[in-house]
PDB file of all heavy atoms in Angstrom:
ATOM      1  N   TYR A   1      -7.412  -6.014   2.325  1.00  0.00           N
ATOM      2  CA  TYR A   1      -7.463  -7.023   1.267  1.00  0.00           C
ATOM      3  C   TYR A   1      -6.681  -8.289   1.618  1.00  0.00           C
ATOM      4  O   TYR A   1      -7.132  -9.406   1.347  1.00  0.00           O
ATOM      5  CB  TYR A   1      -6.923  -6.448  -0.046  1.00  0.00           C
ATOM      6  CG  TYR A   1      -7.918  -5.606  -0.794  1.00  0.00           C
ATOM      7  CD1 TYR A   1      -7.643  -4.281  -1.111  1.00  0.00           C
ATOM      8  CD2 TYR A   1      -9.142  -6.143  -1.194  1.00  0.00           C
ATOM      9  CE1 TYR A   1      -8.560  -3.503  -1.812  1.00  0.00           C
ATOM     10  CE2 TYR A   1     -10.063  -5.369  -1.890  1.00  0.00           C
ATOM     11  CZ  TYR A   1      -9.768  -4.057  -2.184  1.00  0.00           C
ATOM     12  OH  TYR A   1     -10.682  -3.292  -2.873  1.00  0.00           O
ATOM     13  N   PHE A   2      -5.479  -8.134   2.185  1.00  0.00           N
ATOM     14  CA  PHE A   2      -4.596  -9.289   2.370  1.00  0.00           C
ATOM     15  C   PHE A   2      -4.645  -9.875   3.778  1.00  0.00           C
ATOM     16  O   PHE A   2      -4.349 -11.062   3.952  1.00  0.00           O
ATOM     17  CB  PHE A   2      -3.156  -8.908   2.014  1.00  0.00           C
ATOM     18  CG  PHE A   2      -2.967  -8.510   0.577  1.00  0.00           C
ATOM     19  CD1 PHE A   2      -1.979  -7.615   0.208  1.00  0.00           C
ATOM     20  CD2 PHE A   2      -3.786  -9.039  -0.414  1.00  0.00           C
ATOM     21  CE1 PHE A   2      -1.800  -7.256  -1.117  1.00  0.00           C
ATOM     22  CE2 PHE A   2      -3.613  -8.683  -1.747  1.00  0.00           C
ATOM     23  CZ  PHE A   2      -2.618  -7.787  -2.092  1.00  0.00           C
ATOM     24  N   ALA A   3      -4.988  -9.057   4.778  1.00  0.00           N
ATOM     25  CA  ALA A   3      -5.117  -9.567   6.145  1.00  0.00           C
ATOM     26  C   ALA A   3      -6.578  -9.784   6.526  1.00  0.00           C
ATOM     27  O   ALA A   3      -6.868 -10.351   7.578  1.00  0.00           O
ATOM     28  CB  ALA A   3      -4.461  -8.601   7.135  1.00  0.00           C
ATOM     29  N   ASN A   4      -7.490  -9.320   5.668  1.00  0.00           N
ATOM     30  CA  ASN A   4      -8.938  -9.406   5.909  1.00  0.00           C
ATOM     31  C   ASN A   4      -9.319  -8.843   7.271  1.00  0.00           C
ATOM     32  O   ASN A   4     -10.135  -9.416   8.000  1.00  0.00           O
ATOM     33  CB  ASN A   4      -9.447 -10.850   5.788  1.00  0.00           C
ATOM     34  CG  ASN A   4     -10.954 -10.898   5.611  1.00  0.00           C
ATOM     35  OD1 ASN A   4     -11.536 -10.050   4.936  1.00  0.00           O
ATOM     36  ND2 ASN A   4     -11.597 -11.872   6.215  1.00  0.00           N
ATOM     37  N   ARG A   5      -8.724  -7.702   7.600  1.00  0.00           N
ATOM     38  CA  ARG A   5      -9.041  -7.016   8.850  1.00  0.00           C
ATOM     39  C   ARG A   5      -9.826  -5.748   8.545  1.00  0.00           C
ATOM     40  O   ARG A   5      -9.570  -5.054   7.555  1.00  0.00           O
ATOM     41  CB  ARG A   5      -7.760  -6.628   9.599  1.00  0.00           C
ATOM     42  CG  ARG A   5      -6.974  -7.789  10.107  1.00  0.00           C
ATOM     43  CD  ARG A   5      -7.620  -8.490  11.270  1.00  0.00           C
ATOM     44  NE  ARG A   5      -7.879  -7.594  12.394  1.00  0.00           N
ATOM     45  CZ  ARG A   5      -8.079  -8.008  13.646  1.00  0.00           C
ATOM     46  NH1 ARG A   5      -8.036  -9.303  13.924  1.00  0.00           N
ATOM     47  NH2 ARG A   5      -8.320  -7.151  14.612  1.00  0.00           N
ATOM     48  N   TRP A   6     -10.791  -5.455   9.405  1.00  0.00           N
ATOM     49  CA  TRP A   6     -11.534  -4.205   9.279  1.00  0.00           C
ATOM     50  C   TRP A   6     -10.611  -3.038   9.573  1.00  0.00           C
ATOM     51  O   TRP A   6      -9.746  -3.106  10.449  1.00  0.00           O
ATOM     52  CB  TRP A   6     -12.694  -4.185  10.265  1.00  0.00           C
ATOM     53  CG  TRP A   6     -13.791  -5.129   9.917  1.00  0.00           C
ATOM     54  CD1 TRP A   6     -13.830  -6.467  10.175  1.00  0.00           C
ATOM     55  CD2 TRP A   6     -15.009  -4.809   9.244  1.00  0.00           C
ATOM     56  NE1 TRP A   6     -14.995  -7.008   9.702  1.00  0.00           N
ATOM     57  CE2 TRP A   6     -15.745  -6.012   9.132  1.00  0.00           C
ATOM     58  CE3 TRP A   6     -15.550  -3.650   8.734  1.00  0.00           C
ATOM     59  CZ2 TRP A   6     -16.983  -6.065   8.522  1.00  0.00           C
ATOM     60  CZ3 TRP A   6     -16.784  -3.690   8.124  1.00  0.00           C
ATOM     61  CH2 TRP A   6     -17.496  -4.890   8.016  1.00  0.00           C
ATOM     62  N   VAL A   7     -10.785  -1.955   8.819  1.00  0.00           N
ATOM     63  CA  VAL A   7     -10.041  -0.721   9.076  1.00  0.00           C
ATOM     64  C   VAL A   7     -11.031   0.358   9.490  1.00  0.00           C
ATOM     65  O   VAL A   7     -12.197   0.334   9.102  1.00  0.00           O
ATOM     66  CB  VAL A   7      -9.218  -0.278   7.850  1.00  0.00           C
ATOM     67  CG1 VAL A   7      -8.096  -1.263   7.601  1.00  0.00           C
ATOM     68  CG2 VAL A   7     -10.083  -0.157   6.616  1.00  0.00           C
ATOM     69  N   ASP A   8     -10.536   1.289  10.300  1.00  0.00           N
ATOM     70  CA  ASP A   8     -11.417   2.285  10.905  1.00  0.00           C
ATOM     71  C   ASP A   8     -11.726   3.459  10.003  1.00  0.00           C
ATOM     72  O   ASP A   8     -12.509   4.328  10.375  1.00  0.00           O
ATOM     73  CB  ASP A   8     -10.792   2.830  12.197  1.00  0.00           C
ATOM     74  CG  ASP A   8     -10.694   1.772  13.277  1.00  0.00           C
ATOM     75  OD1 ASP A   8     -11.513   0.834  13.243  1.00  0.00           O
ATOM     76  OD2 ASP A   8      -9.808   1.880  14.136  1.00  0.00           O
ATOM     77  N   VAL A   9     -11.099   3.538   8.841  1.00  0.00           N
ATOM     78  CA  VAL A   9     -11.263   4.719   8.002  1.00  0.00           C
ATOM     79  C   VAL A   9     -11.694   4.313   6.604  1.00  0.00           C
ATOM     80  O   VAL A   9     -11.405   3.216   6.131  1.00  0.00           O
ATOM     81  CB  VAL A   9      -9.959   5.531   7.926  1.00  0.00           C
ATOM     82  CG1 VAL A   9      -9.597   6.091   9.285  1.00  0.00           C
ATOM     83  CG2 VAL A   9      -8.817   4.683   7.397  1.00  0.00           C
ATOM     84  N   SER A  10     -12.397   5.201   5.927  1.00  0.00           N
ATOM     85  CA  SER A  10     -12.832   4.943   4.562  1.00  0.00           C
ATOM     86  C   SER A  10     -11.723   5.304   3.594  1.00  0.00           C
ATOM     87  O   SER A  10     -10.716   5.917   3.960  1.00  0.00           O
ATOM     88  CB  SER A  10     -14.094   5.757   4.244  1.00  0.00           C
ATOM     89  OG  SER A  10     -13.805   7.135   4.292  1.00  0.00           O
ATOM     90  N   SER A  11     -11.933   4.933   2.336  1.00  0.00           N
ATOM     91  CA  SER A  11     -10.884   5.115   1.331  1.00  0.00           C
ATOM     92  C   SER A  11     -10.580   6.584   1.040  1.00  0.00           C
ATOM     93  O   SER A  11      -9.523   6.895   0.510  1.00  0.00           O
ATOM     94  CB  SER A  11     -11.289   4.406   0.035  1.00  0.00           C
ATOM     95  OG  SER A  11     -12.533   4.896  -0.432  1.00  0.00           O
ATOM     96  N   ASP A  12     -11.501   7.499   1.378  1.00  0.00           N
ATOM     97  CA  ASP A  12     -11.245   8.909   1.100  1.00  0.00           C
ATOM     98  C   ASP A  12     -10.915   9.698   2.370  1.00  0.00           C
ATOM     99  O   ASP A  12     -10.913  10.913   2.367  1.00  0.00           O
ATOM    100  CB  ASP A  12     -12.450   9.549   0.390  1.00  0.00           C
ATOM    101  CG  ASP A  12     -13.731   9.424   1.202  1.00  0.00           C
ATOM    102  OD1 ASP A  12     -13.721   8.738   2.240  1.00  0.00           O
ATOM    103  OD2 ASP A  12     -14.745  10.026   0.786  1.00  0.00           O
ATOM    104  N   SER A  13     -10.616   9.012   3.461  1.00  0.00           N
ATOM    105  CA  SER A  13     -10.312   9.687   4.717  1.00  0.00           C
ATOM    106  C   SER A  13      -8.861  10.157   4.741  1.00  0.00           C
ATOM    107  O   SER A  13      -7.978   9.524   4.159  1.00  0.00           O
ATOM    108  CB  SER A  13     -10.563   8.741   5.891  1.00  0.00           C
ATOM    109  OG  SER A  13     -10.053   9.295   7.096  1.00  0.00           O
ATOM    110  N   TRP A  14      -8.598  11.237   5.467  1.00  0.00           N
ATOM    111  CA  TRP A  14      -7.222  11.714   5.603  1.00  0.00           C
ATOM    112  C   TRP A  14      -6.396  10.784   6.499  1.00  0.00           C
ATOM    113  O   TRP A  14      -5.175  10.898   6.569  1.00  0.00           O
ATOM    114  CB  TRP A  14      -7.192  13.134   6.164  1.00  0.00           C
ATOM    115  CG  TRP A  14      -7.877  13.300   7.492  1.00  0.00           C
ATOM    116  CD1 TRP A  14      -9.218  13.445   7.703  1.00  0.00           C
ATOM    117  CD2 TRP A  14      -7.276  13.315   8.776  1.00  0.00           C
ATOM    118  NE1 TRP A  14      -9.481  13.555   9.045  1.00  0.00           N
ATOM    119  CE2 TRP A  14      -8.304  13.477   9.729  1.00  0.00           C
ATOM    120  CE3 TRP A  14      -5.955  13.214   9.224  1.00  0.00           C
ATOM    121  CZ2 TRP A  14      -8.065  13.540  11.094  1.00  0.00           C
ATOM    122  CZ3 TRP A  14      -5.713  13.279  10.593  1.00  0.00           C
ATOM    123  CH2 TRP A  14      -6.757  13.446  11.514  1.00  0.00           C
ATOM    124  N   LEU A  15      -7.059   9.806   7.181  1.00  0.00           N
ATOM    125  CA  LEU A  15      -6.348   8.839   8.009  1.00  0.00           C
ATOM    126  C   LEU A  15      -5.998   7.567   7.245  1.00  0.00           C
ATOM    127  O   LEU A  15      -5.469   6.625   7.830  1.00  0.00           O
ATOM    128  CB  LEU A  15      -7.209   8.459   9.216  1.00  0.00           C
ATOM    129  CG  LEU A  15      -7.249   9.454  10.379  1.00  0.00           C
ATOM    130  CD1 LEU A  15      -8.357   9.070  11.337  1.00  0.00           C
ATOM    131  CD2 LEU A  15      -5.917   9.488  11.101  1.00  0.00           C
ATOM    132  N   LYS A  16      -6.297   7.514   5.953  1.00  0.00           N
ATOM    133  CA  LYS A  16      -6.189   6.254   5.224  1.00  0.00           C
ATOM    134  C   LYS A  16      -4.758   5.712   5.171  1.00  0.00           C
ATOM    135  O   LYS A  16      -4.555   4.505   5.064  1.00  0.00           O
ATOM    136  CB  LYS A  16      -6.729   6.419   3.809  1.00  0.00           C
ATOM    137  CG  LYS A  16      -5.926   7.364   2.919  1.00  0.00           C
ATOM    138  CD  LYS A  16      -6.578   7.505   1.550  1.00  0.00           C
ATOM    139  CE  LYS A  16      -5.764   8.432   0.647  1.00  0.00           C
ATOM    140  NZ  LYS A  16      -6.400   8.581  -0.670  1.00  0.00           N
ATOM    141  N   ASP A  17      -3.752   6.581   5.218  1.00  0.00           N
ATOM    142  CA  ASP A  17      -2.376   6.111   5.167  1.00  0.00           C
ATOM    143  C   ASP A  17      -1.854   5.662   6.527  1.00  0.00           C
ATOM    144  O   ASP A  17      -0.742   5.143   6.635  1.00  0.00           O
ATOM    145  CB  ASP A  17      -1.460   7.195   4.593  1.00  0.00           C
ATOM    146  CG  ASP A  17      -1.770   7.481   3.133  1.00  0.00           C
ATOM    147  OD1 ASP A  17      -2.146   6.523   2.426  1.00  0.00           O
ATOM    148  OD2 ASP A  17      -1.646   8.640   2.710  1.00  0.00           O
ATOM    149  N   HIS A  18      -2.665   5.887   7.568  1.00  0.00           N
ATOM    150  CA  HIS A  18      -2.290   5.480   8.930  1.00  0.00           C
ATOM    151  C   HIS A  18      -3.500   4.840   9.585  1.00  0.00           C
ATOM    152  O   HIS A  18      -4.083   5.380  10.531  1.00  0.00           O
ATOM    153  CB  HIS A  18      -1.807   6.685   9.742  1.00  0.00           C
ATOM    154  CG  HIS A  18      -0.726   7.475   9.059  1.00  0.00           C
ATOM    155  ND1 HIS A  18       0.595   7.092   9.075  1.00  0.00           N
ATOM    156  CD2 HIS A  18      -0.779   8.604   8.306  1.00  0.00           C
ATOM    157  CE1 HIS A  18       1.316   7.964   8.381  1.00  0.00           C
ATOM    158  NE2 HIS A  18       0.497   8.892   7.901  1.00  0.00           N
ATOM    159  N   PRO A  19      -3.915   3.661   9.102  1.00  0.00           N
ATOM    160  CA  PRO A  19      -5.194   3.083   9.528  1.00  0.00           C
ATOM    161  C   PRO A  19      -5.276   2.739  11.005  1.00  0.00           C
ATOM    162  O   PRO A  19      -6.357   2.614  11.550  1.00  0.00           O
ATOM    163  CB  PRO A  19      -5.309   1.823   8.658  1.00  0.00           C
ATOM    164  CG  PRO A  19      -3.906   1.512   8.249  1.00  0.00           C
ATOM    165  CD  PRO A  19      -3.229   2.832   8.116  1.00  0.00           C
ATOM    166  N   ALA A  20      -4.131   2.564  11.677  1.00  0.00           N
ATOM    167  CA  ALA A  20      -4.174   2.204  13.094  1.00  0.00           C
ATOM    168  C   ALA A  20      -4.116   3.427  14.012  1.00  0.00           C
ATOM    169  O   ALA A  20      -4.229   3.291  15.231  1.00  0.00           O
ATOM    170  CB  ALA A  20      -3.020   1.261  13.429  1.00  0.00           C
ATOM    171  N   ALA A  21      -3.951   4.623  13.435  1.00  0.00           N
ATOM    172  CA  ALA A  21      -3.740   5.808  14.266  1.00  0.00           C
ATOM    173  C   ALA A  21      -4.917   6.087  15.198  1.00  0.00           C
ATOM    174  O   ALA A  21      -4.735   6.423  16.367  1.00  0.00           O
ATOM    175  CB  ALA A  21      -3.472   7.024  13.369  1.00  0.00           C
ATOM    176  N   TRP A  22      -6.133   5.943  14.675  1.00  0.00           N
ATOM    177  CA  TRP A  22      -7.312   6.261  15.485  1.00  0.00           C
ATOM    178  C   TRP A  22      -7.475   5.256  16.627  1.00  0.00           C
ATOM    179  O   TRP A  22      -7.680   5.628  17.781  1.00  0.00           O
ATOM    180  CB  TRP A  22      -8.552   6.293  14.604  1.00  0.00           C
ATOM    181  CG  TRP A  22      -9.786   6.747  15.313  1.00  0.00           C
ATOM    182  CD1 TRP A  22     -10.857   5.994  15.661  1.00  0.00           C
ATOM    183  CD2 TRP A  22     -10.073   8.081  15.768  1.00  0.00           C
ATOM    184  NE1 TRP A  22     -11.809   6.747  16.299  1.00  0.00           N
ATOM    185  CE2 TRP A  22     -11.349   8.044  16.379  1.00  0.00           C
ATOM    186  CE3 TRP A  22      -9.385   9.285  15.718  1.00  0.00           C
ATOM    187  CZ2 TRP A  22     -11.940   9.160  16.947  1.00  0.00           C
ATOM    188  CZ3 TRP A  22      -9.982  10.408  16.277  1.00  0.00           C
ATOM    189  CH2 TRP A  22     -11.237  10.343  16.874  1.00  0.00           C
ATOM    190  N   SER A  23      -7.367   3.971  16.326  1.00  0.00           N
ATOM    191  CA  SER A  23      -7.514   2.962  17.375  1.00  0.00           C
ATOM    192  C   SER A  23      -6.392   3.043  18.396  1.00  0.00           C
ATOM    193  O   SER A  23      -6.586   2.714  19.574  1.00  0.00           O
ATOM    194  CB  SER A  23      -7.573   1.556  16.759  1.00  0.00           C
ATOM    195  OG  SER A  23      -6.407   1.296  16.011  1.00  0.00           O
ATOM    196  N   ASN A  24      -5.205   3.527  17.976  1.00  0.00           N
ATOM    197  CA  ASN A  24      -4.093   3.681  18.917  1.00  0.00           C
ATOM    198  C   ASN A  24      -4.324   4.799  19.921  1.00  0.00           C
ATOM    199  O   ASN A  24      -3.611   4.899  20.916  1.00  0.00           O
ATOM    200  CB  ASN A  24      -2.788   3.951  18.164  1.00  0.00           C
ATOM    201  CG  ASN A  24      -2.270   2.717  17.454  1.00  0.00           C
ATOM    202  OD1 ASN A  24      -2.687   1.607  17.754  1.00  0.00           O
ATOM    203  ND2 ASN A  24      -1.375   2.909  16.494  1.00  0.00           N
TER     204      ASN A  24
END
């Protein structure tokens, strides 16, 4: 919302609290 960056996970994913974990 605030950085207007795409995130790799959907709102109901277990990765939602760590959005950079997958790309890392």
